[in-house]
C-alpha atoms as a PDB file:
ATOM      1  CA  MET A   1      31.265   5.034  30.388  1.00  0.00           C
ATOM      2  CA  LYS A   2      34.155   5.163  27.933  1.00  0.00           C
ATOM      3  CA  ILE A   3      33.766   5.412  24.169  1.00  0.00           C
ATOM      4  CA  GLY A   4      34.186   1.667  23.598  1.00  0.00           C
ATOM      5  CA  GLU A   5      31.367   0.865  25.996  1.00  0.00           C
ATOM      6  CA  LEU A   6      29.130   3.509  24.407  1.00  0.00           C
ATOM      7  CA  ALA A   7      29.847   2.130  20.933  1.00  0.00           C
ATOM      8  CA  ARG A   8      29.135  -1.424  22.108  1.00  0.00           C
ATOM      9  CA  ARG A   9      25.846  -0.473  23.786  1.00  0.00           C
ATOM     10  CA  ALA A  10      24.678   1.475  20.733  1.00  0.00           C
ATOM     11  CA  ALA A  11      26.010  -1.183  18.327  1.00  0.00           C
ATOM     12  CA  VAL A  12      28.051   1.306  16.281  1.00  0.00           C
ATOM     13  CA  PRO A  13      31.767   1.503  15.529  1.00  0.00           C
ATOM     14  CA  ILE A  14      33.876   3.799  17.713  1.00  0.00           C
ATOM     15  CA  ASP A  15      34.680   5.878  14.626  1.00  0.00           C
ATOM     16  CA  THR A  16      30.954   6.540  14.187  1.00  0.00           C
ATOM     17  CA  VAL A  17      30.749   7.921  17.727  1.00  0.00           C
ATOM     18  CA  ARG A  18      33.687  10.219  17.030  1.00  0.00           C
ATOM     19  CA  TYR A  19      32.219  11.287  13.679  1.00  0.00           C
ATOM     20  CA  TYR A  20      28.825  12.137  15.180  1.00  0.00           C
ATOM     21  CA  GLU A  21      30.597  14.079  17.887  1.00  0.00           C
ATOM     22  CA  ARG A  22      32.551  16.079  15.264  1.00  0.00           C
ATOM     23  CA  GLN A  23      29.318  16.711  13.353  1.00  0.00           C
ATOM     24  CA  GLY A  24      27.602  18.032  16.482  1.00  0.00           C
ATOM     25  CA  LEU A  25      25.030  15.225  16.623  1.00  0.00           C
ATOM     26  CA  LEU A  26      26.498  13.956  19.863  1.00  0.00           C
ATOM     27  CA  PRO A  27      27.586  16.523  22.436  1.00  0.00           C
ATOM     28  CA  ALA A  28      31.266  16.544  23.308  1.00  0.00           C
ATOM     29  CA  PRO A  29      31.558  14.658  26.596  1.00  0.00           C
ATOM     30  CA  PRO A  30      33.676  15.731  29.512  1.00  0.00           C
ATOM     31  CA  ARG A  31      37.050  14.061  29.796  1.00  0.00           C
ATOM     32  CA  MET A  32      38.490  12.217  32.738  1.00  0.00           C
ATOM     33  CA  ALA A  33      41.885  13.228  34.111  1.00  0.00           C
ATOM     34  CA  SER A  34      43.371  10.448  31.981  1.00  0.00           C
ATOM     35  CA  GLY A  35      41.953  12.087  28.844  1.00  0.00           C
ATOM     36  CA  TYR A  36      39.293   9.446  28.217  1.00  0.00           C
ATOM     37  CA  ARG A  37      35.871  10.696  27.163  1.00  0.00           C
ATOM     38  CA  LEU A  38      33.168  10.078  29.739  1.00  0.00           C
ATOM     39  CA  TYR A  39      29.748   9.340  28.237  1.00  0.00           C
ATOM     40  CA  VAL A  40      26.395   9.039  29.983  1.00  0.00           C
ATOM     41  CA  PRO A  41      23.466   6.632  29.346  1.00  0.00           C
ATOM     42  CA  GLY A  42      21.582   9.398  27.512  1.00  0.00           C
ATOM     43  CA  ASP A  43      24.272   9.252  24.831  1.00  0.00           C
ATOM     44  CA  VAL A  44      23.260   5.657  24.060  1.00  0.00           C
ATOM     45  CA  ALA A  45      19.666   6.795  23.580  1.00  0.00           C
ATOM     46  CA  ARG A  46      20.838   9.663  21.357  1.00  0.00           C
ATOM     47  CA  LEU A  47      22.908   7.299  19.185  1.00  0.00           C
ATOM     48  CA  ASN A  48      19.931   4.955  18.874  1.00  0.00           C
ATOM     49  CA  PHE A  49      17.742   7.916  17.840  1.00  0.00           C
ATOM     50  CA  ILE A  50      20.306   8.828  15.150  1.00  0.00           C
ATOM     51  CA  LYS A  51      20.499   5.234  13.899  1.00  0.00           C
ATOM     52  CA  ARG A  52      16.719   4.883  13.656  1.00  0.00           C
ATOM     53  CA  ALA A  53      16.384   8.238  11.879  1.00  0.00           C
ATOM     54  CA  LYS A  54      19.100   7.252   9.371  1.00  0.00           C
ATOM     55  CA  THR A  55      17.304   3.965   8.735  1.00  0.00           C
ATOM     56  CA  LEU A  56      14.176   5.950   7.863  1.00  0.00           C
ATOM     57  CA  GLY A  57      16.074   8.025   5.311  1.00  0.00           C
ATOM     58  CA  PHE A  58      16.838  11.211   7.227  1.00  0.00           C
ATOM     59  CA  THR A  59      20.147  12.895   6.398  1.00  0.00           C
ATOM     60  CA  LEU A  60      22.540  13.826   9.184  1.00  0.00           C
ATOM     61  CA  GLU A  61      21.596  17.472   8.703  1.00  0.00           C
ATOM     62  CA  GLU A  62      17.917  16.593   9.039  1.00  0.00           C
ATOM     63  CA  ILE A  63      18.685  14.463  12.092  1.00  0.00           C
ATOM     64  CA  GLN A  64      20.387  17.466  13.677  1.00  0.00           C
ATOM     65  CA  GLY A  65      17.095  19.347  13.251  1.00  0.00           C
ATOM     66  CA  LEU A  66      15.090  16.442  14.660  1.00  0.00           C
ATOM     67  CA  LEU A  67      17.369  16.282  17.680  1.00  0.00           C
ATOM     68  CA  SER A  68      16.901  19.991  18.195  1.00  0.00           C
ATOM     69  CA  LEU A  69      13.125  19.605  17.959  1.00  0.00           C
ATOM     70  CA  SER A  70      13.119  16.624  20.301  1.00  0.00           C
ATOM     71  CA  GLY A  71      14.812  18.752  22.945  1.00  0.00           C
ATOM     72  CA  ARG A  72      11.785  21.054  22.990  1.00  0.00           C
ATOM     73  CA  ARG A  73       9.109  18.567  24.021  1.00  0.00           C
ATOM     74  CA  ASP A  74       6.659  21.302  24.998  1.00  0.00           C
ATOM     75  CA  ASN A  75       6.472  22.603  21.393  1.00  0.00           C
ATOM     76  CA  ASP A  76       3.830  21.614  18.860  1.00  0.00           C
ATOM     77  CA  MET A  77       4.512  18.485  16.811  1.00  0.00           C
ATOM     78  CA  ALA A  78       3.835  20.225  13.476  1.00  0.00           C
ATOM     79  CA  GLU A  79       7.557  20.734  12.731  1.00  0.00           C
ATOM     80  CA  MET A  80       8.316  17.072  13.406  1.00  0.00           C
ATOM     81  CA  LYS A  81       5.492  15.965  11.109  1.00  0.00           C
ATOM     82  CA  ALA A  82       6.653  18.378   8.402  1.00  0.00           C
ATOM     83  CA  ALA A  83      10.204  17.011   8.591  1.00  0.00           C
ATOM     84  CA  ALA A  84       8.959  13.425   8.381  1.00  0.00           C
ATOM     85  CA  SER A  85       6.612  14.302   5.504  1.00  0.00           C
ATOM     86  CA  GLU A  86       9.459  15.887   3.572  1.00  0.00           C
ATOM     87  CA  THR A  87      11.644  12.822   4.030  1.00  0.00           C
ATOM     88  CA  LEU A  88       8.737  10.576   3.041  1.00  0.00           C
ATOM     89  CA  ALA A  89       8.370  12.530  -0.208  1.00  0.00           C
ATOM     90  CA  LYS A  90      12.086  12.048  -0.921  1.00  0.00           C
ATOM     91  CA  VAL A  91      11.824   8.305  -0.242  1.00  0.00           C
ATOM     92  CA  GLU A  92       8.794   8.026  -2.530  1.00  0.00           C
ATOM     93  CA  ALA A  93      10.709   9.836  -5.291  1.00  0.00           C
ATOM     94  CA  LYS A  94      13.605   7.404  -4.871  1.00  0.00           C
ATOM     95  CA  LEU A  95      11.183   4.487  -5.038  1.00  0.00           C
ATOM     96  CA  ALA A  96       9.703   5.835  -8.264  1.00  0.00           C
ATOM     97  CA  GLU A  97      13.196   6.157  -9.756  1.00  0.00           C
ATOM     98  CA  LEU A  98      14.120   2.629  -8.633  1.00  0.00           C
ATOM     99  CA  THR A  99      10.873   1.312 -10.136  1.00  0.00           C
ATOM    100  CA  ARG A 100      11.708   3.009 -13.443  1.00  0.00           C
ATOM    101  CA  MET A 101      15.211   1.474 -13.341  1.00  0.00           C
ATOM    102  CA  ARG A 102      13.810  -1.972 -12.533  1.00  0.00           C
ATOM    103  CA  ASP A 103      11.296  -1.769 -15.354  1.00  0.00           C
ATOM    104  CA  GLY A 104      14.005  -0.750 -17.825  1.00  0.00           C
ATOM    105  CA  LEU A 105      16.265  -3.575 -16.730  1.00  0.00           C
ATOM    106  CA  GLN A 106      13.417  -6.074 -16.960  1.00  0.00           C
ATOM    107  CA  VAL A 107      12.841  -5.067 -20.592  1.00  0.00           C
ATOM    108  CA  LEU A 108      16.554  -5.398 -21.387  1.00  0.00           C
ATOM    109  CA  VAL A 109      16.907  -8.766 -19.671  1.00  0.00           C
ATOM    110  CA  ALA A 110      13.779 -10.100 -21.375  1.00  0.00           C
ATOM    111  CA  SER A 111      15.041  -8.964 -24.781  1.00  0.00           C
ATOM    112  CA  CYS A 112      18.368 -10.791 -24.467  1.00  0.00           C
ATOM    113  CA  PRO A 113      18.400 -14.477 -25.461  1.00  0.00           C
ATOM    114  CA  GLY A 114      21.498 -15.056 -23.327  1.00  0.00           C
ATOM    115  CA  HIS A 115      23.448 -16.790 -26.078  1.00  0.00           C
ATOM    116  CA  GLY A 116      25.019 -15.872 -29.385  1.00  0.00           C
ATOM    117  CA  ALA A 117      27.475 -13.203 -30.507  1.00  0.00           C
ATOM    118  CA  LEU A 118      27.992 -10.408 -27.996  1.00  0.00           C
ATOM    119  CA  ASP A 119      27.802  -7.773 -30.734  1.00  0.00           C
ATOM    120  CA  GLN A 120      24.143  -8.795 -31.134  1.00  0.00           C
ATOM    121  CA  CYS A 121      23.373  -8.461 -27.420  1.00  0.00           C
ATOM    122  CA  PRO A 122      20.412  -6.091 -26.938  1.00  0.00           C
ATOM    123  CA  ILE A 123      21.618  -5.146 -23.448  1.00  0.00           C
ATOM    124  CA  LEU A 124      25.084  -4.158 -24.660  1.00  0.00           C
ATOM    125  CA  ASN A 125      23.644  -2.316 -27.658  1.00  0.00           C
ATOM    126  CA  ALA A 126      21.128  -0.418 -25.507  1.00  0.00           C
ATOM    127  CA  LEU A 127      23.854   0.630 -23.057  1.00  0.00           C
ATOM    128  CA  ALA A 128      26.089   1.715 -25.930  1.00  0.00           C
ATOM    129  CA  GLY A 129      23.222   3.624 -27.549  1.00  0.00           C
ATOM    130  CA  ASP A 130      23.193   1.296 -30.562  1.00  0.00           C
ATOM    131  CA  GLU A 131      19.669  -0.085 -30.111  1.00  0.00           C
ATOM    132  CA  GLN A 132      18.651  -2.167 -33.106  1.00  0.00           C
END
């Protein structure tokens, strides 16, 4: 199949296919005599794997490692679990940071009456470092 068909089947833009190919996440396909790339059904599965891994928070570099591991199905699953555990820890750290940000914003929003002179706005003053 040509690149447009691959992109359509995997529900990604053509530029994404080319980018993943340049990054080594998708193997360079053979080319037809006309110069068109010729992809195989396994490339759709590989793109779907990449998309799902990205959705779970894996970086492209980490996905490269997962793809490498997935090609060695006879190996122990410990490396795969370790990679997923590491990404889970990163996601939990991001959640903690987002929770801290939300809590801070809730305090600021609750402290602002929403009317009156802007120079008395607790949100503006907090952001400017002029908390009163």
